[in-house]
Amino acid sequence: MLQPDSGGPVPAPRDTGARRISVFLSRHPRLRLSLLLSAPLFWLVLVYIVALAALLITALWTVDTFTGTITQTWTLDNIVTVLTGSLYQTVTLRTLGVAVVVTVVDVLVALPIAFYMAKVASTRWQRVLVIAVLMPLWASYLVKAYAWRSVLSSDGIVDWLVAPFGGHTPGYGLPATVITLAYLWLPYVILPIYAGLERVPDSLLEASGDLGGRTGSTLRLVVLPMIWPAIIAGSIFSFSLTLGDYITVNIVGGANQMLGNLVYTNVGAANNLPLAAAIALIPIVIIFGYLAAVRRTGALDNL
């Protein structure tokens, strides 16, 4: 049975400090957004910016040749050694060349795959293909690298397939390194390009066909300019990851060293952390230069 209304006054909500803060933040959305982003931005600055600063500072120190201890004496000897040494110049050019080749291979392979996924396959097959692209990422990095070592070895499956035709497997070396790295980073290139192609309206392709545009002209003049930021995003992944890789080179590269291998050697066997820090600055400078060049083209504005 319903109780009659007493008709008394409704008590006002308590004016607590938390309520006042909530009301204040609701009236200042920019301040609320700044507070929400402060924690991740602080972590980013601490982990990334401070780490880069510590790396630069370490590169300015030296190692005592007798005791092997690090001497916190400011000097540019390590940086001068890295810039003028023929070994470091050769390894830098080799690393840069491998990174460029891996990036070009990944983009050329990713474009048709991503186009088929976004514009040709049905909705059901799009899901299946996306899962198929992501499945290699579920496996361990080392498992995939050693698998390619087995495939490319002298008694591997590639050698067995091409031997009747007089061919031979690439074996160990730079070709094997390029093949393995291109396979490892391919999903990181396919997914951004696939996302970019999904944003291209099908009506534009149909309009180009109605106006007499051929397939090649449509892809070059209509599709490519629209997905160029996505291609740049994918290339950043493959390019930067290749610059810093050293495990794959140790597994399938043979004696061909890259910058990551020199850093690892100086940190471990040589126990020369300042020189390793100076070498590590090279790929950082290269990737920052690449990002600056890409930004000047305007390709990053629409990402």
C-alpha atoms as a PDB file:
ATOM      1  CA  MET A   1       0.000   0.000   0.000  1.00  0.00           C
ATOM      2  CA  LEU A   2       1.331   3.402  -1.016  1.00  0.00           C
ATOM      3  CA  GLN A   3       2.262   5.756   1.776  1.00  0.00           C
ATOM      4  CA  PRO A   4       1.005   9.328   1.528  1.00  0.00           C
ATOM      5  CA  ASP A   5       3.510  12.003   0.743  1.00  0.00           C
ATOM      6  CA  SER A   6       4.557  13.787   3.886  1.00  0.00           C
ATOM      7  CA  GLY A   7       4.982  17.014   1.963  1.00  0.00           C
ATOM      8  CA  GLY A   8       8.234  17.823   3.726  1.00  0.00           C
ATOM      9  CA  PRO A   9      11.162  19.581   2.017  1.00  0.00           C
ATOM     10  CA  VAL A  10      13.551  17.436  -0.065  1.00  0.00           C
ATOM     11  CA  PRO A  11      17.036  17.555   1.448  1.00  0.00           C
ATOM     12  CA  ALA A  12      19.642  19.221  -0.777  1.00  0.00           C
ATOM     13  CA  PRO A  13      22.633  17.145  -1.842  1.00  0.00           C
ATOM     14  CA  ARG A  14      25.628  17.512   0.400  1.00  0.00           C
ATOM     15  CA  ASP A  15      28.163  20.038  -0.880  1.00  0.00           C
ATOM     16  CA  THR A  16      31.299  17.920  -0.484  1.00  0.00           C
ATOM     17  CA  GLY A  17      34.776  18.676  -1.779  1.00  0.00           C
ATOM     18  CA  ALA A  18      34.573  15.857  -4.326  1.00  0.00           C
ATOM     19  CA  ARG A  19      31.329  17.269  -5.688  1.00  0.00           C
ATOM     20  CA  ARG A  20      32.816  20.750  -6.040  1.00  0.00           C
ATOM     21  CA  ILE A  21      35.821  19.305  -7.904  1.00  0.00           C
ATOM     22  CA  SER A  22      33.505  17.323 -10.189  1.00  0.00           C
ATOM     23  CA  VAL A  23      31.442  20.387 -11.009  1.00  0.00           C
ATOM     24  CA  PHE A  24      34.564  22.451 -11.622  1.00  0.00           C
ATOM     25  CA  LEU A  25      36.014  19.852 -14.008  1.00  0.00           C
ATOM     26  CA  SER A  26      32.717  19.512 -15.875  1.00  0.00           C
ATOM     27  CA  ARG A  27      32.849  23.254 -16.580  1.00  0.00           C
ATOM     28  CA  HIS A  28      36.461  23.094 -17.794  1.00  0.00           C
ATOM     29  CA  PRO A  29      36.742  20.238 -20.341  1.00  0.00           C
ATOM     30  CA  ARG A  30      40.248  21.210 -21.454  1.00  0.00           C
ATOM     31  CA  LEU A  31      41.564  20.976 -17.912  1.00  0.00           C
ATOM     32  CA  ARG A  32      39.830  17.607 -17.521  1.00  0.00           C
ATOM     33  CA  LEU A  33      41.455  16.347 -20.727  1.00  0.00           C
ATOM     34  CA  SER A  34      44.859  17.600 -19.591  1.00  0.00           C
ATOM     35  CA  LEU A  35      44.547  15.761 -16.294  1.00  0.00           C
ATOM     36  CA  LEU A  36      43.523  12.552 -18.092  1.00  0.00           C
ATOM     37  CA  LEU A  37      46.533  12.755 -20.403  1.00  0.00           C
ATOM     38  CA  SER A  38      49.026  13.827 -17.783  1.00  0.00           C
ATOM     39  CA  ALA A  39      49.780  10.297 -16.507  1.00  0.00           C
ATOM     40  CA  PRO A  40      50.486   8.663 -19.905  1.00  0.00           C
ATOM     41  CA  LEU A  41      52.378  11.744 -21.103  1.00  0.00           C
ATOM     42  CA  PHE A  42      54.507  11.708 -17.963  1.00  0.00           C
ATOM     43  CA  TRP A  43      55.272   8.030 -18.531  1.00  0.00           C
ATOM     44  CA  LEU A  44      56.116   8.697 -22.190  1.00  0.00           C
ATOM     45  CA  VAL A  45      58.484  11.519 -21.255  1.00  0.00           C
ATOM     46  CA  LEU A  46      60.074   9.439 -18.525  1.00  0.00           C
ATOM     47  CA  VAL A  47      60.584   6.309 -20.621  1.00  0.00           C
ATOM     48  CA  TYR A  48      61.340   7.831 -24.007  1.00  0.00           C
ATOM     49  CA  ILE A  49      62.671  11.359 -23.702  1.00  0.00           C
ATOM     50  CA  VAL A  50      64.646  10.760 -20.527  1.00  0.00           C
ATOM     51  CA  ALA A  51      66.003   7.502 -21.963  1.00  0.00           C
ATOM     52  CA  LEU A  52      67.209   9.314 -25.089  1.00  0.00           C
ATOM     53  CA  ALA A  53      68.830  12.000 -22.955  1.00  0.00           C
ATOM     54  CA  ALA A  54      70.546   9.345 -20.836  1.00  0.00           C
ATOM     55  CA  LEU A  55      71.743   7.635 -24.015  1.00  0.00           C
ATOM     56  CA  LEU A  56      73.252  10.854 -25.314  1.00  0.00           C
ATOM     57  CA  ILE A  57      74.930  11.558 -21.979  1.00  0.00           C
ATOM     58  CA  THR A  58      76.352   8.025 -21.836  1.00  0.00           C
ATOM     59  CA  ALA A  59      77.808   8.459 -25.328  1.00  0.00           C
ATOM     60  CA  LEU A  60      79.851  11.379 -23.992  1.00  0.00           C
ATOM     61  CA  TRP A  61      81.593   9.239 -21.351  1.00  0.00           C
ATOM     62  CA  THR A  62      84.632   6.985 -21.729  1.00  0.00           C
ATOM     63  CA  VAL A  63      85.822   3.589 -20.525  1.00  0.00           C
ATOM     64  CA  ASP A  64      89.083   3.165 -18.638  1.00  0.00           C
ATOM     65  CA  THR A  65      91.223   0.828 -20.731  1.00  0.00           C
ATOM     66  CA  PHE A  66      92.927  -0.681 -17.672  1.00  0.00           C
ATOM     67  CA  THR A  67      90.045  -1.205 -15.227  1.00  0.00           C
ATOM     68  CA  GLY A  68      87.143  -1.359 -17.697  1.00  0.00           C
ATOM     69  CA  THR A  69      85.079   1.018 -15.582  1.00  0.00           C
ATOM     70  CA  ILE A  70      83.105   3.899 -17.036  1.00  0.00           C
ATOM     71  CA  THR A  71      84.697   7.293 -16.505  1.00  0.00           C
ATOM     72  CA  GLN A  72      82.184  10.120 -16.397  1.00  0.00           C
ATOM     73  CA  THR A  73      84.441  12.493 -18.267  1.00  0.00           C
ATOM     74  CA  TRP A  74      82.798  14.551 -20.989  1.00  0.00           C
ATOM     75  CA  THR A  75      84.329  13.910 -24.401  1.00  0.00           C
ATOM     76  CA  LEU A  76      83.284  13.578 -28.027  1.00  0.00           C
ATOM     77  CA  ASP A  77      85.730  10.785 -28.784  1.00  0.00           C
ATOM     78  CA  ASN A  78      83.056   8.088 -29.130  1.00  0.00           C
ATOM     79  CA  ILE A  79      80.932  10.159 -31.485  1.00  0.00           C
ATOM     80  CA  VAL A  80      83.984  11.130 -33.557  1.00  0.00           C
ATOM     81  CA  THR A  81      85.000   7.453 -33.735  1.00  0.00           C
ATOM     82  CA  VAL A  82      81.562   6.432 -34.940  1.00  0.00           C
ATOM     83  CA  LEU A  83      81.391   9.217 -37.539  1.00  0.00           C
ATOM     84  CA  THR A  84      84.899   8.735 -38.940  1.00  0.00           C
ATOM     85  CA  GLY A  85      85.506   4.998 -38.540  1.00  0.00           C
ATOM     86  CA  SER A  86      85.306   3.055 -41.797  1.00  0.00           C
ATOM     87  CA  LEU A  87      83.753   0.062 -40.030  1.00  0.00           C
ATOM     88  CA  TYR A  88      80.858   2.100 -38.673  1.00  0.00           C
ATOM     89  CA  GLN A  89      80.302   3.832 -42.000  1.00  0.00           C
ATOM     90  CA  THR A  90      80.176   0.485 -43.812  1.00  0.00           C
ATOM     91  CA  VAL A  91      77.804  -1.046 -41.272  1.00  0.00           C
ATOM     92  CA  THR A  92      75.591   2.063 -41.333  1.00  0.00           C
ATOM     93  CA  LEU A  93      75.264   1.925 -45.123  1.00  0.00           C
ATOM     94  CA  ARG A  94      74.572  -1.808 -44.966  1.00  0.00           C
ATOM     95  CA  THR A  95      71.906  -1.342 -42.307  1.00  0.00           C
ATOM     96  CA  LEU A  96      70.295   1.541 -44.191  1.00  0.00           C
ATOM     97  CA  GLY A  97      70.304  -0.448 -47.431  1.00  0.00           C
ATOM     98  CA  VAL A  98      68.709  -3.489 -45.788  1.00  0.00           C
ATOM     99  CA  ALA A  99      66.055  -1.287 -44.145  1.00  0.00           C
ATOM    100  CA  VAL A 100      65.179   0.366 -47.460  1.00  0.00           C
ATOM    101  CA  VAL A 101      64.993  -2.953 -49.337  1.00  0.00           C
ATOM    102  CA  VAL A 102      62.866  -4.577 -46.623  1.00  0.00           C
ATOM    103  CA  THR A 103      60.499  -1.594 -46.629  1.00  0.00           C
ATOM    104  CA  VAL A 104      60.128  -1.601 -50.430  1.00  0.00           C
ATOM    105  CA  VAL A 105      59.521  -5.365 -50.503  1.00  0.00           C
ATOM    106  CA  ASP A 106      56.919  -5.158 -47.740  1.00  0.00           C
ATOM    107  CA  VAL A 107      55.048  -2.300 -49.414  1.00  0.00           C
ATOM    108  CA  LEU A 108      55.014  -4.058 -52.797  1.00  0.00           C
ATOM    109  CA  VAL A 109      53.724  -7.272 -51.227  1.00  0.00           C
ATOM    110  CA  ALA A 110      51.265  -5.541 -48.897  1.00  0.00           C
ATOM    111  CA  LEU A 111      49.543  -3.392 -51.541  1.00  0.00           C
ATOM    112  CA  PRO A 112      47.815  -6.191 -53.523  1.00  0.00           C
ATOM    113  CA  ILE A 113      47.002  -8.161 -50.375  1.00  0.00           C
ATOM    114  CA  ALA A 114      45.470  -5.138 -48.648  1.00  0.00           C
ATOM    115  CA  PHE A 115      43.575  -4.126 -51.801  1.00  0.00           C
ATOM    116  CA  TYR A 116      42.048  -7.585 -52.134  1.00  0.00           C
ATOM    117  CA  MET A 117      41.089  -7.583 -48.466  1.00  0.00           C
ATOM    118  CA  ALA A 118      39.479  -4.138 -48.584  1.00  0.00           C
ATOM    119  CA  LYS A 119      37.873  -3.986 -52.046  1.00  0.00           C
ATOM    120  CA  VAL A 120      37.465  -7.492 -53.462  1.00  0.00           C
ATOM    121  CA  ALA A 121      36.861  -9.961 -50.628  1.00  0.00           C
ATOM    122  CA  SER A 122      33.446 -10.314 -49.048  1.00  0.00           C
ATOM    123  CA  THR A 123      32.815  -9.216 -45.474  1.00  0.00           C
ATOM    124  CA  ARG A 124      33.215 -12.773 -44.214  1.00  0.00           C
ATOM    125  CA  TRP A 125      36.481 -13.303 -46.064  1.00  0.00           C
ATOM    126  CA  GLN A 126      37.755  -9.944 -44.857  1.00  0.00           C
ATOM    127  CA  ARG A 127      37.564 -11.228 -41.289  1.00  0.00           C
ATOM    128  CA  VAL A 128      39.270 -14.477 -42.261  1.00  0.00           C
ATOM    129  CA  LEU A 129      42.075 -12.637 -44.069  1.00  0.00           C
ATOM    130  CA  VAL A 130      42.613 -10.193 -41.210  1.00  0.00           C
ATOM    131  CA  ILE A 131      42.985 -13.140 -38.842  1.00  0.00           C
ATOM    132  CA  ALA A 132      45.365 -14.797 -41.312  1.00  0.00           C
ATOM    133  CA  VAL A 133      47.499 -11.640 -41.418  1.00  0.00           C
ATOM    134  CA  LEU A 134      47.555 -11.421 -37.616  1.00  0.00           C
ATOM    135  CA  MET A 135      48.287 -15.114 -37.008  1.00  0.00           C
ATOM    136  CA  PRO A 136      52.082 -14.828 -37.609  1.00  0.00           C
ATOM    137  CA  LEU A 137      52.188 -12.286 -34.782  1.00  0.00           C
ATOM    138  CA  TRP A 138      50.961 -14.954 -32.373  1.00  0.00           C
ATOM    139  CA  ALA A 139      54.128 -17.001 -32.888  1.00  0.00           C
ATOM    140  CA  SER A 140      57.398 -16.246 -31.151  1.00  0.00           C
ATOM    141  CA  TYR A 141      59.873 -13.993 -32.923  1.00  0.00           C
ATOM    142  CA  LEU A 142      62.674 -16.531 -32.417  1.00  0.00           C
ATOM    143  CA  VAL A 143      60.553 -19.412 -33.696  1.00  0.00           C
ATOM    144  CA  LYS A 144      59.867 -17.564 -36.947  1.00  0.00           C
ATOM    145  CA  ALA A 145      63.504 -16.528 -37.390  1.00  0.00           C
ATOM    146  CA  TYR A 146      64.803 -20.060 -36.819  1.00  0.00           C
ATOM    147  CA  ALA A 147      62.088 -21.431 -39.099  1.00  0.00           C
ATOM    148  CA  TRP A 148      63.389 -19.255 -41.929  1.00  0.00           C
ATOM    149  CA  ARG A 149      66.916 -20.365 -41.118  1.00  0.00           C
ATOM    150  CA  SER A 150      65.785 -23.947 -41.612  1.00  0.00           C
ATOM    151  CA  VAL A 151      63.895 -23.106 -44.807  1.00  0.00           C
ATOM    152  CA  LEU A 152      66.821 -21.209 -46.348  1.00  0.00           C
ATOM    153  CA  SER A 153      69.570 -23.618 -45.290  1.00  0.00           C
ATOM    154  CA  SER A 154      71.482 -25.727 -47.796  1.00  0.00           C
ATOM    155  CA  ASP A 155      69.300 -28.778 -47.064  1.00  0.00           C
ATOM    156  CA  GLY A 156      66.058 -26.871 -46.544  1.00  0.00           C
ATOM    157  CA  ILE A 157      62.803 -26.925 -48.440  1.00  0.00           C
ATOM    158  CA  VAL A 158      63.802 -24.070 -50.768  1.00  0.00           C
ATOM    159  CA  ASP A 159      66.940 -25.912 -51.831  1.00  0.00           C
ATOM    160  CA  TRP A 160      64.876 -29.071 -52.390  1.00  0.00           C
ATOM    161  CA  LEU A 161      62.394 -27.191 -54.595  1.00  0.00           C
ATOM    162  CA  VAL A 162      64.886 -25.312 -56.788  1.00  0.00           C
ATOM    163  CA  ALA A 163      67.594 -27.985 -57.028  1.00  0.00           C
ATOM    164  CA  PRO A 164      65.953 -29.813 -59.997  1.00  0.00           C
ATOM    165  CA  PHE A 165      66.015 -26.540 -61.956  1.00  0.00           C
ATOM    166  CA  GLY A 166      69.670 -25.824 -61.231  1.00  0.00           C
ATOM    167  CA  GLY A 167      68.976 -23.205 -58.578  1.00  0.00           C
ATOM    168  CA  HIS A 168      70.232 -22.955 -55.046  1.00  0.00           C
ATOM    169  CA  THR A 169      69.013 -21.512 -51.772  1.00  0.00           C
ATOM    170  CA  PRO A 170      70.126 -18.039 -50.637  1.00  0.00           C
ATOM    171  CA  GLY A 171      71.628 -19.668 -47.542  1.00  0.00           C
ATOM    172  CA  TYR A 172      72.944 -17.267 -44.925  1.00  0.00           C
ATOM    173  CA  GLY A 173      73.734 -13.649 -45.677  1.00  0.00           C
ATOM    174  CA  LEU A 174      72.031 -10.398 -46.592  1.00  0.00           C
ATOM    175  CA  PRO A 175      69.436 -11.976 -48.963  1.00  0.00           C
ATOM    176  CA  ALA A 176      68.298 -14.285 -46.174  1.00  0.00           C
ATOM    177  CA  THR A 177      68.223 -11.336 -43.764  1.00  0.00           C
ATOM    178  CA  VAL A 178      66.037  -9.311 -46.139  1.00  0.00           C
ATOM    179  CA  ILE A 179      63.647 -12.228 -46.707  1.00  0.00           C
ATOM    180  CA  THR A 180      63.290 -12.973 -43.001  1.00  0.00           C
ATOM    181  CA  LEU A 181      62.856  -9.354 -41.916  1.00  0.00           C
ATOM    182  CA  ALA A 182      60.364  -8.687 -44.719  1.00  0.00           C
ATOM    183  CA  TYR A 183      58.307 -11.640 -43.501  1.00  0.00           C
ATOM    184  CA  LEU A 184      58.498 -10.552 -39.864  1.00  0.00           C
ATOM    185  CA  TRP A 185      57.348  -6.964 -40.459  1.00  0.00           C
ATOM    186  CA  LEU A 186      54.833  -7.649 -43.269  1.00  0.00           C
ATOM    187  CA  PRO A 187      51.731  -7.656 -40.989  1.00  0.00           C
ATOM    188  CA  TYR A 188      52.717  -4.233 -39.658  1.00  0.00           C
ATOM    189  CA  VAL A 189      52.635  -2.918 -43.228  1.00  0.00           C
ATOM    190  CA  ILE A 190      49.502  -4.712 -44.427  1.00  0.00           C
ATOM    191  CA  LEU A 191      47.220  -3.513 -41.635  1.00  0.00           C
ATOM    192  CA  PRO A 192      47.771   0.283 -42.047  1.00  0.00           C
ATOM    193  CA  ILE A 193      47.390   0.017 -45.831  1.00  0.00           C
ATOM    194  CA  TYR A 194      44.257  -2.112 -45.408  1.00  0.00           C
ATOM    195  CA  ALA A 195      42.800   0.496 -43.030  1.00  0.00           C
ATOM    196  CA  GLY A 196      43.633   3.238 -45.541  1.00  0.00           C
ATOM    197  CA  LEU A 197      42.006   1.373 -48.431  1.00  0.00           C
ATOM    198  CA  GLU A 198      38.843   0.817 -46.410  1.00  0.00           C
ATOM    199  CA  ARG A 199      38.445   4.609 -46.228  1.00  0.00           C
ATOM    200  CA  VAL A 200      38.533   4.924 -50.027  1.00  0.00           C
ATOM    201  CA  PRO A 201      34.886   5.146 -51.207  1.00  0.00           C
ATOM    202  CA  ASP A 202      33.891   2.529 -53.759  1.00  0.00           C
ATOM    203  CA  SER A 203      32.006   5.263 -55.612  1.00  0.00           C
ATOM    204  CA  LEU A 204      35.315   6.877 -56.592  1.00  0.00           C
ATOM    205  CA  LEU A 205      36.498   3.662 -58.223  1.00  0.00           C
ATOM    206  CA  GLU A 206      33.175   3.272 -60.008  1.00  0.00           C
ATOM    207  CA  ALA A 207      33.268   6.893 -61.166  1.00  0.00           C
ATOM    208  CA  SER A 208      36.780   6.446 -62.533  1.00  0.00           C
ATOM    209  CA  GLY A 209      35.647   3.365 -64.452  1.00  0.00           C
ATOM    210  CA  ASP A 210      32.568   5.158 -65.805  1.00  0.00           C
ATOM    211  CA  LEU A 211      34.779   7.998 -67.049  1.00  0.00           C
ATOM    212  CA  GLY A 212      36.983   5.582 -68.960  1.00  0.00           C
ATOM    213  CA  GLY A 213      39.810   5.254 -66.499  1.00  0.00           C
ATOM    214  CA  ARG A 214      41.762   2.049 -66.772  1.00  0.00           C
ATOM    215  CA  THR A 215      42.702  -0.046 -63.776  1.00  0.00           C
ATOM    216  CA  GLY A 216      46.290   1.151 -63.696  1.00  0.00           C
ATOM    217  CA  SER A 217      45.309   4.797 -64.061  1.00  0.00           C
ATOM    218  CA  THR A 218      42.665   4.483 -61.343  1.00  0.00           C
ATOM    219  CA  LEU A 219      45.104   2.912 -58.920  1.00  0.00           C
ATOM    220  CA  ARG A 220      47.832   5.446 -59.691  1.00  0.00           C
ATOM    221  CA  LEU A 221      45.755   8.636 -59.861  1.00  0.00           C
ATOM    222  CA  VAL A 222      42.853   7.945 -57.492  1.00  0.00           C
ATOM    223  CA  VAL A 223      43.738   5.235 -54.981  1.00  0.00           C
ATOM    224  CA  LEU A 224      47.443   5.819 -54.417  1.00  0.00           C
ATOM    225  CA  PRO A 225      47.175   9.515 -53.413  1.00  0.00           C
ATOM    226  CA  MET A 226      44.450   8.663 -50.902  1.00  0.00           C
ATOM    227  CA  ILE A 227      46.312   5.784 -49.251  1.00  0.00           C
ATOM    228  CA  TRP A 228      49.735   7.445 -49.326  1.00  0.00           C
ATOM    229  CA  PRO A 229      49.603   8.318 -45.582  1.00  0.00           C
ATOM    230  CA  ALA A 230      48.782   4.667 -44.826  1.00  0.00           C
ATOM    231  CA  ILE A 231      51.745   3.522 -46.922  1.00  0.00           C
ATOM    232  CA  ILE A 232      53.981   5.946 -45.052  1.00  0.00           C
ATOM    233  CA  ALA A 233      52.688   4.610 -41.724  1.00  0.00           C
ATOM    234  CA  GLY A 234      53.478   1.044 -42.747  1.00  0.00           C
ATOM    235  CA  SER A 235      56.905   2.014 -44.044  1.00  0.00           C
ATOM    236  CA  ILE A 236      57.752   3.667 -40.727  1.00  0.00           C
ATOM    237  CA  PHE A 237      57.109   0.375 -38.947  1.00  0.00           C
ATOM    238  CA  SER A 238      59.212  -1.786 -41.261  1.00  0.00           C
ATOM    239  CA  PHE A 239      61.985   0.798 -41.671  1.00  0.00           C
ATOM    240  CA  SER A 240      62.434   1.556 -37.972  1.00  0.00           C
ATOM    241  CA  LEU A 241      62.127  -2.059 -36.835  1.00  0.00           C
ATOM    242  CA  THR A 242      64.751  -3.152 -39.368  1.00  0.00           C
ATOM    243  CA  LEU A 243      67.164  -0.426 -38.279  1.00  0.00           C
ATOM    244  CA  GLY A 244      67.174  -1.693 -34.710  1.00  0.00           C
ATOM    245  CA  ASP A 245      67.086  -5.436 -35.341  1.00  0.00           C
ATOM    246  CA  TYR A 246      70.070  -7.619 -34.512  1.00  0.00           C
ATOM    247  CA  ILE A 247      68.655 -11.041 -33.585  1.00  0.00           C
ATOM    248  CA  THR A 248      67.610 -11.990 -37.119  1.00  0.00           C
ATOM    249  CA  VAL A 249      71.019 -10.981 -38.455  1.00  0.00           C
ATOM    250  CA  ASN A 250      72.674 -13.268 -35.915  1.00  0.00           C
ATOM    251  CA  ILE A 251      70.409 -16.148 -36.909  1.00  0.00           C
ATOM    252  CA  VAL A 252      70.284 -15.925 -40.715  1.00  0.00           C
ATOM    253  CA  GLY A 253      72.722 -13.144 -41.631  1.00  0.00           C
ATOM    254  CA  GLY A 254      75.988 -14.966 -41.177  1.00  0.00           C
ATOM    255  CA  ALA A 255      78.917 -12.615 -40.668  1.00  0.00           C
ATOM    256  CA  ASN A 256      77.106  -9.549 -42.039  1.00  0.00           C
ATOM    257  CA  GLN A 257      76.737  -7.197 -39.130  1.00  0.00           C
ATOM    258  CA  MET A 258      74.252  -4.376 -38.731  1.00  0.00           C
ATOM    259  CA  LEU A 259      74.116  -1.497 -36.279  1.00  0.00           C
ATOM    260  CA  GLY A 260      72.146  -3.506 -33.755  1.00  0.00           C
ATOM    261  CA  ASN A 261      74.860  -6.154 -33.729  1.00  0.00           C
ATOM    262  CA  LEU A 262      77.547  -3.565 -33.033  1.00  0.00           C
ATOM    263  CA  VAL A 263      75.525  -2.169 -30.145  1.00  0.00           C
ATOM    264  CA  TYR A 264      75.006  -5.641 -28.714  1.00  0.00           C
ATOM    265  CA  THR A 265      78.695  -6.523 -29.077  1.00  0.00           C
ATOM    266  CA  ASN A 266      79.889  -3.372 -27.331  1.00  0.00           C
ATOM    267  CA  VAL A 267      77.368  -3.742 -24.518  1.00  0.00           C
ATOM    268  CA  GLY A 268      78.174  -7.406 -23.900  1.00  0.00           C
ATOM    269  CA  ALA A 269      81.541  -8.772 -25.016  1.00  0.00           C
ATOM    270  CA  ALA A 270      83.440  -5.465 -25.314  1.00  0.00           C
ATOM    271  CA  ASN A 271      81.856  -3.943 -22.191  1.00  0.00           C
ATOM    272  CA  ASN A 272      82.024  -0.503 -23.773  1.00  0.00           C
ATOM    273  CA  LEU A 273      78.674   1.063 -22.966  1.00  0.00           C
ATOM    274  CA  PRO A 274      79.604   4.624 -24.042  1.00  0.00           C
ATOM    275  CA  LEU A 275      80.645   3.460 -27.522  1.00  0.00           C
ATOM    276  CA  ALA A 276      77.491   1.339 -27.757  1.00  0.00           C
ATOM    277  CA  ALA A 277      75.420   4.415 -26.881  1.00  0.00           C
ATOM    278  CA  ALA A 278      77.180   6.426 -29.583  1.00  0.00           C
ATOM    279  CA  ILE A 279      76.444   3.706 -32.162  1.00  0.00           C
ATOM    280  CA  ALA A 280      72.805   3.537 -31.030  1.00  0.00           C
ATOM    281  CA  LEU A 281      72.425   7.233 -31.837  1.00  0.00           C
ATOM    282  CA  ILE A 282      72.902   6.477 -35.556  1.00  0.00           C
ATOM    283  CA  PRO A 283      69.567   4.677 -36.165  1.00  0.00           C
ATOM    284  CA  ILE A 284      67.824   7.226 -33.948  1.00  0.00           C
ATOM    285  CA  VAL A 285      69.136  10.088 -36.082  1.00  0.00           C
ATOM    286  CA  ILE A 286      68.224   8.198 -39.276  1.00  0.00           C
ATOM    287  CA  ILE A 287      64.641   7.540 -38.212  1.00  0.00           C
ATOM    288  CA  PHE A 288      64.182  11.135 -37.020  1.00  0.00           C
ATOM    289  CA  GLY A 289      65.514  12.307 -40.385  1.00  0.00           C
ATOM    290  CA  TYR A 290      63.088   9.997 -42.170  1.00  0.00           C
ATOM    291  CA  LEU A 291      60.158  11.279 -40.127  1.00  0.00           C
ATOM    292  CA  ALA A 292      61.176  14.873 -40.815  1.00  0.00           C
ATOM    293  CA  ALA A 293      61.402  14.199 -44.557  1.00  0.00           C
ATOM    294  CA  VAL A 294      58.010  12.476 -44.541  1.00  0.00           C
ATOM    295  CA  ARG A 295      56.458  15.313 -42.592  1.00  0.00           C
ATOM    296  CA  ARG A 296      57.654  17.840 -45.160  1.00  0.00           C
ATOM    297  CA  THR A 297      55.701  15.965 -47.844  1.00  0.00           C
ATOM    298  CA  GLY A 298      52.495  16.330 -45.791  1.00  0.00           C
ATOM    299  CA  ALA A 299      51.842  12.579 -45.811  1.00  0.00           C
ATOM    300  CA  LEU A 300      51.448  12.480 -42.027  1.00  0.00           C
ATOM    301  CA  ASP A 301      48.777  15.184 -41.852  1.00  0.00           C
ATOM    302  CA  ASN A 302      45.912  12.808 -42.663  1.00  0.00           C
ATOM    303  CA  LEU A 303      46.998   9.880 -40.495  1.00  0.00           C
END
